[in-house]
C-alpha atoms as a PDB file:
ATOM      1  CA  MET A   1      73.627-122.575-113.355  1.00  0.00           C
ATOM      2  CA  LYS A   2      75.838-119.220-113.863  1.00  0.00           C
ATOM      3  CA  ALA A   3      74.934-115.887-113.063  1.00  0.00           C
ATOM      4  CA  VAL A   4      76.238-112.754-115.204  1.00  0.00           C
ATOM      5  CA  ILE A   5      76.372-109.727-113.302  1.00  0.00           C
ATOM      6  CA  LEU A   6      76.715-106.483-115.346  1.00  0.00           C
ATOM      7  CA  THR A   7      79.370-104.183-113.666  1.00  0.00           C
ATOM      8  CA  GLY A   8      80.925-102.090-116.228  1.00  0.00           C
ATOM      9  CA  GLY A   9      78.521 -98.909-116.369  1.00  0.00           C
ATOM     10  CA  LEU A  10      80.305 -95.485-115.895  1.00  0.00           C
ATOM     11  CA  GLY A  11      78.314 -94.820-112.630  1.00  0.00           C
ATOM     12  CA  THR A  12      77.881 -91.110-114.008  1.00  0.00           C
ATOM     13  CA  ARG A  13      74.659 -90.665-111.725  1.00  0.00           C
ATOM     14  CA  LEU A  14      76.963 -90.978-108.436  1.00  0.00           C
ATOM     15  CA  GLN A  15      79.527 -89.067-109.337  1.00  0.00           C
ATOM     16  CA  PRO A  16      82.000 -87.752-107.771  1.00  0.00           C
ATOM     17  CA  TYR A  17      81.542 -91.006-105.237  1.00  0.00           C
ATOM     18  CA  THR A  18      82.391 -93.198-108.920  1.00  0.00           C
ATOM     19  CA  LEU A  19      85.389 -91.016-110.032  1.00  0.00           C
ATOM     20  CA  PHE A  20      87.309 -93.330-108.437  1.00  0.00           C
ATOM     21  CA  THR A  21      85.243 -96.326-107.574  1.00  0.00           C
ATOM     22  CA  PRO A  22      83.151 -98.414-109.744  1.00  0.00           C
ATOM     23  CA  LYS A  23      79.479 -98.168-108.675  1.00  0.00           C
ATOM     24  CA  PRO A  24      79.591-101.900-107.821  1.00  0.00           C
ATOM     25  CA  MET A  25      82.182-101.452-105.216  1.00  0.00           C
ATOM     26  CA  LEU A  26      80.731 -98.566-103.273  1.00  0.00           C
ATOM     27  CA  PRO A  27      80.438 -99.592 -99.475  1.00  0.00           C
ATOM     28  CA  LEU A  28      76.938-100.631 -98.247  1.00  0.00           C
ATOM     29  CA  GLY A  29      77.605-101.076 -94.868  1.00  0.00           C
ATOM     30  CA  ASP A  30      81.216-102.957 -94.270  1.00  0.00           C
ATOM     31  CA  ARG A  31      81.645-104.638 -97.870  1.00  0.00           C
ATOM     32  CA  PRO A  32      80.880-103.244-101.448  1.00  0.00           C
ATOM     33  CA  LEU A  33      77.458-103.287-102.925  1.00  0.00           C
ATOM     34  CA  LEU A  34      78.785-106.075-105.016  1.00  0.00           C
ATOM     35  CA  GLU A  35      79.676-108.393-102.627  1.00  0.00           C
ATOM     36  CA  HIS A  36      75.956-108.270-101.263  1.00  0.00           C
ATOM     37  CA  THR A  37      74.794-109.520-104.141  1.00  0.00           C
ATOM     38  CA  ILE A  38      77.401-112.340-104.782  1.00  0.00           C
ATOM     39  CA  ASN A  39      75.954-113.423-100.992  1.00  0.00           C
ATOM     40  CA  TRP A  40      72.585-113.668-102.376  1.00  0.00           C
ATOM     41  CA  LEU A  41      73.031-115.423-105.492  1.00  0.00           C
ATOM     42  CA  LYS A  42      75.269-118.140-103.092  1.00  0.00           C
ATOM     43  CA  LYS A  43      72.419-118.076-100.758  1.00  0.00           C
ATOM     44  CA  ASN A  44      70.345-119.247-103.820  1.00  0.00           C
ATOM     45  CA  ASN A  45      72.616-121.649-105.001  1.00  0.00           C
ATOM     46  CA  ILE A  46      74.337-119.947-107.792  1.00  0.00           C
ATOM     47  CA  LYS A  47      77.963-120.189-107.182  1.00  0.00           C
ATOM     48  CA  SER A  48      79.236-119.730-110.840  1.00  0.00           C
ATOM     49  CA  ILE A  49      79.609-116.344-111.613  1.00  0.00           C
ATOM     50  CA  VAL A  50      80.757-113.875-114.390  1.00  0.00           C
ATOM     51  CA  LEU A  51      81.156-110.587-113.783  1.00  0.00           C
ATOM     52  CA  CYS A  52      81.344-108.267-117.030  1.00  0.00           C
ATOM     53  CA  VAL A  53      83.583-105.336-116.207  1.00  0.00           C
ATOM     54  CA  SER A  54      84.602-102.049-117.906  1.00  0.00           C
ATOM     55  CA  TYR A  55      85.226 -99.080-116.181  1.00  0.00           C
ATOM     56  CA  LEU A  56      87.914 -99.295-113.403  1.00  0.00           C
ATOM     57  CA  ARG A  57      87.977-102.966-113.668  1.00  0.00           C
ATOM     58  CA  ARG A  58      90.761-103.745-111.741  1.00  0.00           C
ATOM     59  CA  ASN A  59      88.877-102.649-108.497  1.00  0.00           C
ATOM     60  CA  ILE A  60      86.635-105.460-108.706  1.00  0.00           C
ATOM     61  CA  GLN A  61      89.186-107.945-110.172  1.00  0.00           C
ATOM     62  CA  ASP A  62      91.916-106.995-107.270  1.00  0.00           C
ATOM     63  CA  TYR A  63      89.396-107.502-104.709  1.00  0.00           C
ATOM     64  CA  PHE A  64      87.179-110.433-106.024  1.00  0.00           C
ATOM     65  CA  GLN A  65      89.684-112.304-107.948  1.00  0.00           C
ATOM     66  CA  GLN A  66      88.778-115.743-108.774  1.00  0.00           C
ATOM     67  CA  GLY A  67      85.985-115.975-106.168  1.00  0.00           C
ATOM     68  CA  GLU A  68      87.907-118.514-103.828  1.00  0.00           C
ATOM     69  CA  ASP A  69      87.691-116.171-100.622  1.00  0.00           C
ATOM     70  CA  PHE A  70      83.763-115.395-101.094  1.00  0.00           C
ATOM     71  CA  GLY A  71      83.005-119.412-101.956  1.00  0.00           C
ATOM     72  CA  VAL A  72      82.308-118.714-105.340  1.00  0.00           C
ATOM     73  CA  SER A  73      84.275-119.526-108.887  1.00  0.00           C
ATOM     74  CA  ILE A  74      84.292-116.111-110.991  1.00  0.00           C
ATOM     75  CA  GLU A  75      85.127-114.840-114.372  1.00  0.00           C
ATOM     76  CA  TYR A  76      85.714-112.270-116.015  1.00  0.00           C
ATOM     77  CA  ALA A  77      84.282-110.832-119.479  1.00  0.00           C
ATOM     78  CA  ILE A  78      85.969-107.672-119.841  1.00  0.00           C
ATOM     79  CA  SER A  79      85.232-104.602-122.506  1.00  0.00           C
ATOM     80  CA  ASP A  80      87.591-101.789-123.444  1.00  0.00           C
ATOM     81  CA  LYS A  81      84.528 -99.643-123.695  1.00  0.00           C
ATOM     82  CA  PRO A  82      80.585 -98.952-122.304  1.00  0.00           C
ATOM     83  CA  LEU A  83      78.378-101.142-123.996  1.00  0.00           C
ATOM     84  CA  ALA A  84      75.051-100.332-122.398  1.00  0.00           C
ATOM     85  CA  THR A  85      73.534-103.392-120.519  1.00  0.00           C
ATOM     86  CA  ALA A  86      72.875-105.605-123.377  1.00  0.00           C
ATOM     87  CA  GLY A  87      76.327-104.783-125.023  1.00  0.00           C
ATOM     88  CA  GLN A  88      77.889-105.843-121.803  1.00  0.00           C
ATOM     89  CA  LEU A  89      75.780-109.275-121.466  1.00  0.00           C
ATOM     90  CA  LYS A  90      77.585-109.817-125.222  1.00  0.00           C
ATOM     91  CA  THR A  91      80.955-110.150-123.690  1.00  0.00           C
ATOM     92  CA  ALA A  92      79.864-113.072-121.558  1.00  0.00           C
ATOM     93  CA  GLU A  93      78.613-115.198-124.317  1.00  0.00           C
ATOM     94  CA  GLU A  94      81.652-117.489-124.132  1.00  0.00           C
ATOM     95  CA  PHE A  95      81.133-118.401-120.969  1.00  0.00           C
ATOM     96  CA  ILE A  96      77.279-119.479-121.329  1.00  0.00           C
ATOM     97  CA  ASP A  97      76.187-122.563-122.614  1.00  0.00           C
ATOM     98  CA  ASP A  98      72.722-123.098-120.670  1.00  0.00           C
ATOM     99  CA  THR A  99      70.111-121.319-118.855  1.00  0.00           C
ATOM    100  CA  PHE A 100      71.320-118.187-116.719  1.00  0.00           C
ATOM    101  CA  VAL A 101      70.868-115.228-114.216  1.00  0.00           C
ATOM    102  CA  CYS A 102      71.395-111.801-115.560  1.00  0.00           C
ATOM    103  CA  MET A 103      71.527-109.306-113.372  1.00  0.00           C
ATOM    104  CA  TYR A 104      72.452-105.672-113.060  1.00  0.00           C
ATOM    105  CA  GLY A 105      75.212-104.653-110.544  1.00  0.00           C
ATOM    106  CA  ASP A 106      73.644-101.485-109.193  1.00  0.00           C
ATOM    107  CA  SER A 107      70.600-103.027-106.930  1.00  0.00           C
ATOM    108  CA  VAL A 108      70.603-104.684-103.665  1.00  0.00           C
ATOM    109  CA  PHE A 109      68.382-107.756-103.902  1.00  0.00           C
ATOM    110  CA  ASP A 110      66.591-110.010-101.401  1.00  0.00           C
ATOM    111  CA  PHE A 111      63.651-112.006-102.443  1.00  0.00           C
ATOM    112  CA  SER A 112      63.690-115.940-103.677  1.00  0.00           C
ATOM    113  CA  LEU A 113      65.807-116.593-106.686  1.00  0.00           C
ATOM    114  CA  LYS A 114      65.108-119.876-106.989  1.00  0.00           C
ATOM    115  CA  ASN A 115      61.407-119.935-106.841  1.00  0.00           C
ATOM    116  CA  MET A 116      61.877-117.259-110.240  1.00  0.00           C
ATOM    117  CA  ILE A 117      64.121-119.717-111.899  1.00  0.00           C
ATOM    118  CA  LYS A 118      61.238-122.232-111.107  1.00  0.00           C
ATOM    119  CA  LYS A 119      58.686-120.360-112.866  1.00  0.00           C
ATOM    120  CA  HIS A 120      60.991-120.023-115.386  1.00  0.00           C
ATOM    121  CA  GLN A 121      61.604-123.475-116.141  1.00  0.00           C
ATOM    122  CA  GLN A 122      57.683-124.399-115.494  1.00  0.00           C
ATOM    123  CA  LYS A 123      56.925-121.532-118.306  1.00  0.00           C
ATOM    124  CA  LYS A 124      59.686-123.185-120.819  1.00  0.00           C
ATOM    125  CA  ALA A 125      59.967-119.295-121.074  1.00  0.00           C
ATOM    126  CA  PHE A 126      63.017-117.767-123.620  1.00  0.00           C
ATOM    127  CA  ALA A 127      63.423-114.991-120.877  1.00  0.00           C
ATOM    128  CA  THR A 128      61.846-114.248-117.240  1.00  0.00           C
ATOM    129  CA  MET A 129      61.980-110.494-116.354  1.00  0.00           C
ATOM    130  CA  CYS A 130      61.842-109.813-112.333  1.00  0.00           C
ATOM    131  CA  ILE A 131      59.456-106.801-111.960  1.00  0.00           C
ATOM    132  CA  TYR A 132      58.668-104.753-108.578  1.00  0.00           C
ATOM    133  CA  GLU A 133      55.523-103.011-107.993  1.00  0.00           C
ATOM    134  CA  TYR A 134      56.585 -99.453-107.383  1.00  0.00           C
ATOM    135  CA  LYS A 135      54.311 -96.791-105.822  1.00  0.00           C
ATOM    136  CA  SER A 136      54.661 -93.122-106.490  1.00  0.00           C
ATOM    137  CA  ARG A 137      52.670 -90.001-105.425  1.00  0.00           C
ATOM    138  CA  LEU A 138      51.685 -87.289-107.906  1.00  0.00           C
ATOM    139  CA  PRO A 139      52.769 -83.964-106.536  1.00  0.00           C
ATOM    140  CA  TYR A 140      49.920 -82.471-108.744  1.00  0.00           C
ATOM    141  CA  GLY A 141      45.883 -82.819-108.749  1.00  0.00           C
ATOM    142  CA  VAL A 142      44.871 -85.240-111.549  1.00  0.00           C
ATOM    143  CA  ILE A 143      41.608 -83.689-113.220  1.00  0.00           C
ATOM    144  CA  ASP A 144      39.580 -86.837-115.241  1.00  0.00           C
ATOM    145  CA  THR A 145      37.204 -85.162-118.550  1.00  0.00           C
ATOM    146  CA  ASP A 146      34.658 -86.765-120.486  1.00  0.00           C
ATOM    147  CA  LYS A 147      34.673 -86.941-124.081  1.00  0.00           C
ATOM    148  CA  ASN A 148      32.644 -83.590-124.283  1.00  0.00           C
ATOM    149  CA  ASP A 149      35.455 -81.948-121.986  1.00  0.00           C
ATOM    150  CA  ASN A 150      32.987 -82.004-118.878  1.00  0.00           C
ATOM    151  CA  ILE A 151      35.453 -82.201-115.703  1.00  0.00           C
ATOM    152  CA  THR A 152      34.117 -85.716-113.789  1.00  0.00           C
ATOM    153  CA  ALA A 153      36.504 -86.026-111.076  1.00  0.00           C
ATOM    154  CA  TRP A 154      39.219 -84.542-109.690  1.00  0.00           C
ATOM    155  CA  ARG A 155      41.925 -86.751-107.518  1.00  0.00           C
ATOM    156  CA  GLU A 156      44.153 -84.634-105.283  1.00  0.00           C
ATOM    157  CA  LYS A 157      47.759 -85.903-105.495  1.00  0.00           C
ATOM    158  CA  PRO A 158      46.870 -89.716-106.349  1.00  0.00           C
ATOM    159  CA  GLU A 159      49.124 -92.814-105.510  1.00  0.00           C
ATOM    160  CA  ILE A 160      49.793 -94.513-108.909  1.00  0.00           C
ATOM    161  CA  MET A 161      51.579 -98.129-109.207  1.00  0.00           C
ATOM    162  CA  SER A 162      53.293 -99.516-111.946  1.00  0.00           C
ATOM    163  CA  ASN A 163      55.714-102.661-112.544  1.00  0.00           C
ATOM    164  CA  ILE A 164      59.328-101.532-113.298  1.00  0.00           C
ATOM    165  CA  ASN A 165      62.255-103.711-114.108  1.00  0.00           C
ATOM    166  CA  THR A 166      64.679-104.645-111.302  1.00  0.00           C
ATOM    167  CA  GLY A 167      67.410-105.687-113.746  1.00  0.00           C
ATOM    168  CA  CYS A 168      67.044-109.065-112.809  1.00  0.00           C
ATOM    169  CA  TYR A 169      66.628-111.860-115.454  1.00  0.00           C
ATOM    170  CA  ILE A 170      66.640-115.464-116.020  1.00  0.00           C
ATOM    171  CA  MET A 171      67.259-115.991-119.914  1.00  0.00           C
ATOM    172  CA  GLU A 172      68.295-118.618-122.552  1.00  0.00           C
ATOM    173  CA  PRO A 173      71.563-118.660-124.411  1.00  0.00           C
ATOM    174  CA  GLY A 174      69.481-117.670-127.569  1.00  0.00           C
ATOM    175  CA  VAL A 175      69.653-113.876-126.448  1.00  0.00           C
ATOM    176  CA  PHE A 176      73.047-113.513-127.628  1.00  0.00           C
ATOM    177  CA  PRO A 177      71.985-114.271-131.271  1.00  0.00           C
ATOM    178  CA  LEU A 178      70.093-111.008-130.811  1.00  0.00           C
ATOM    179  CA  ILE A 179      73.029-108.806-129.297  1.00  0.00           C
ATOM    180  CA  PRO A 180      75.480-107.019-131.702  1.00  0.00           C
ATOM    181  CA  ASN A 181      78.959-107.092-131.327  1.00  0.00           C
ATOM    182  CA  ASN A 182      80.768-104.496-129.695  1.00  0.00           C
ATOM    183  CA  ILE A 183      78.685-101.367-129.469  1.00  0.00           C
ATOM    184  CA  PRO A 184      76.263-100.260-127.104  1.00  0.00           C
ATOM    185  CA  TYR A 185      72.972-101.839-126.928  1.00  0.00           C
ATOM    186  CA  GLY A 186      69.971-101.588-124.653  1.00  0.00           C
ATOM    187  CA  MET A 187      68.188-104.594-123.125  1.00  0.00           C
ATOM    188  CA  ASP A 188      64.992-103.638-123.933  1.00  0.00           C
ATOM    189  CA  LYS A 189      66.029-103.846-127.511  1.00  0.00           C
ATOM    190  CA  VAL A 190      66.742-107.080-126.936  1.00  0.00           C
ATOM    191  CA  LEU A 191      63.541-108.236-125.750  1.00  0.00           C
ATOM    192  CA  GLU A 192      61.582-105.925-128.305  1.00  0.00           C
ATOM    193  CA  LYS A 193      63.577-108.421-130.876  1.00  0.00           C
ATOM    194  CA  ALA A 194      62.394-111.371-128.923  1.00  0.00           C
ATOM    195  CA  MET A 195      58.959-110.462-128.612  1.00  0.00           C
ATOM    196  CA  ALA A 196      58.947-109.838-132.395  1.00  0.00           C
ATOM    197  CA  LYS A 197      60.118-113.164-133.068  1.00  0.00           C
ATOM    198  CA  LYS A 198      56.845-114.500-130.882  1.00  0.00           C
ATOM    199  CA  LYS A 199      59.541-115.544-128.019  1.00  0.00           C
ATOM    200  CA  LYS A 200      57.760-116.689-124.790  1.00  0.00           C
ATOM    201  CA  LEU A 201      58.757-113.693-122.096  1.00  0.00           C
ATOM    202  CA  SER A 202      57.768-114.094-118.716  1.00  0.00           C
ATOM    203  CA  SER A 203      57.663-112.055-115.259  1.00  0.00           C
ATOM    204  CA  PHE A 204      58.145-112.784-111.931  1.00  0.00           C
ATOM    205  CA  SER A 205      56.454-110.492-109.544  1.00  0.00           C
ATOM    206  CA  ILE A 206      58.040-109.069-105.973  1.00  0.00           C
ATOM    207  CA  LYS A 207      56.829-105.877-103.728  1.00  0.00           C
ATOM    208  CA  LYS A 208      59.709-106.432-101.648  1.00  0.00           C
ATOM    209  CA  GLY A 209      63.496-107.597-101.497  1.00  0.00           C
ATOM    210  CA  PHE A 210      64.664-104.665-104.346  1.00  0.00           C
ATOM    211  CA  THR A 211      66.591-101.527-103.386  1.00  0.00           C
ATOM    212  CA  ASP A 212      67.792 -99.704-106.387  1.00  0.00           C
ATOM    213  CA  VAL A 213      71.009 -97.635-106.276  1.00  0.00           C
ATOM    214  CA  GLY A 214      71.184 -96.258-109.101  1.00  0.00           C
ATOM    215  CA  ASP A 215      71.829 -92.401-108.251  1.00  0.00           C
ATOM    216  CA  MET A 216      73.197 -90.178-105.592  1.00  0.00           C
ATOM    217  CA  LYS A 217      69.371 -89.901-103.409  1.00  0.00           C
ATOM    218  CA  SER A 218      68.977 -93.903-103.827  1.00  0.00           C
ATOM    219  CA  TYR A 219      72.258 -94.800-102.738  1.00  0.00           C
ATOM    220  CA  GLU A 220      72.018 -92.724 -99.535  1.00  0.00           C
ATOM    221  CA  LYS A 221      68.360 -93.995 -98.962  1.00  0.00           C
ATOM    222  CA  ALA A 222      69.938 -97.765 -99.097  1.00  0.00           C
ATOM    223  CA  TYR A 223      72.985 -96.870 -96.920  1.00  0.00           C
ATOM    224  CA  ALA A 224      70.420 -95.853 -94.300  1.00  0.00           C
ATOM    225  CA  GLU A 225      68.128 -98.377 -94.755  1.00  0.00           C
ATOM    226  CA  PHE A 226      70.972-100.697 -94.370  1.00  0.00           C
ATOM    227  CA  LYS A 227      72.528 -98.777 -90.950  1.00  0.00           C
ATOM    228  CA  ASP A 228      68.863 -99.184 -89.698  1.00  0.00           C
ATOM    229  CA  ARG A 229      68.410-102.717 -90.300  1.00  0.00           C
ATOM    230  CA  LEU A 230      71.559-103.556 -88.931  1.00  0.00           C
ATOM    231  CA  GLY A 231      70.962-101.733 -85.583  1.00  0.00           C
ATOM    232  CA  LYS A 232      67.787-104.138 -85.434  1.00  0.00           C
ATOM    233  CA  ILE A 233      69.562-107.174 -85.336  1.00  0.00           C
END
């Protein structure tokens, strides 16, 4: 099975760090973020990887080359402009002819991808999305009312929980015809099209093993957590 990693974004929310370094190449400890992702894939027996590259792509290509030094095989799908998530994925179409893993290149994963693949296969799904149980505390008091505008409860700064998309999927090659060529296109639109066509979309829920590195705050948090983990080894 192959994995497609989307690494072509501009990383605007992480500027100035990303002015000269693509986001997947930002350091996390002693190696780039993308190297952690590749090592995680290898640990889950995925050793054939397609990197979708665009912005500052030479930084990525020069570092990883064909993957020999990292124990994997790497191919490159190249675009000359940002194409958003699904648009980037479309550039990898020529490399894929079977079930594959698709993942965003700006997160750290540490869950059982093997179990996710197994569930996808058991469900005979068109696509399986890894979802993460995210908790957040509202900074305000929440007031509940009934249909007559009577106040029935006051919940001060309650904690809410939602399932969020981690940006890791198991997909069938049938997703590619749902993506237009050479235009920015979001993954949400692709899955909406799939649902409209009554395709089976499944989910794989995790409560740990996911760290987003999408903006300055989350990157600094991920870096601090990684340093803390190293100190306990």
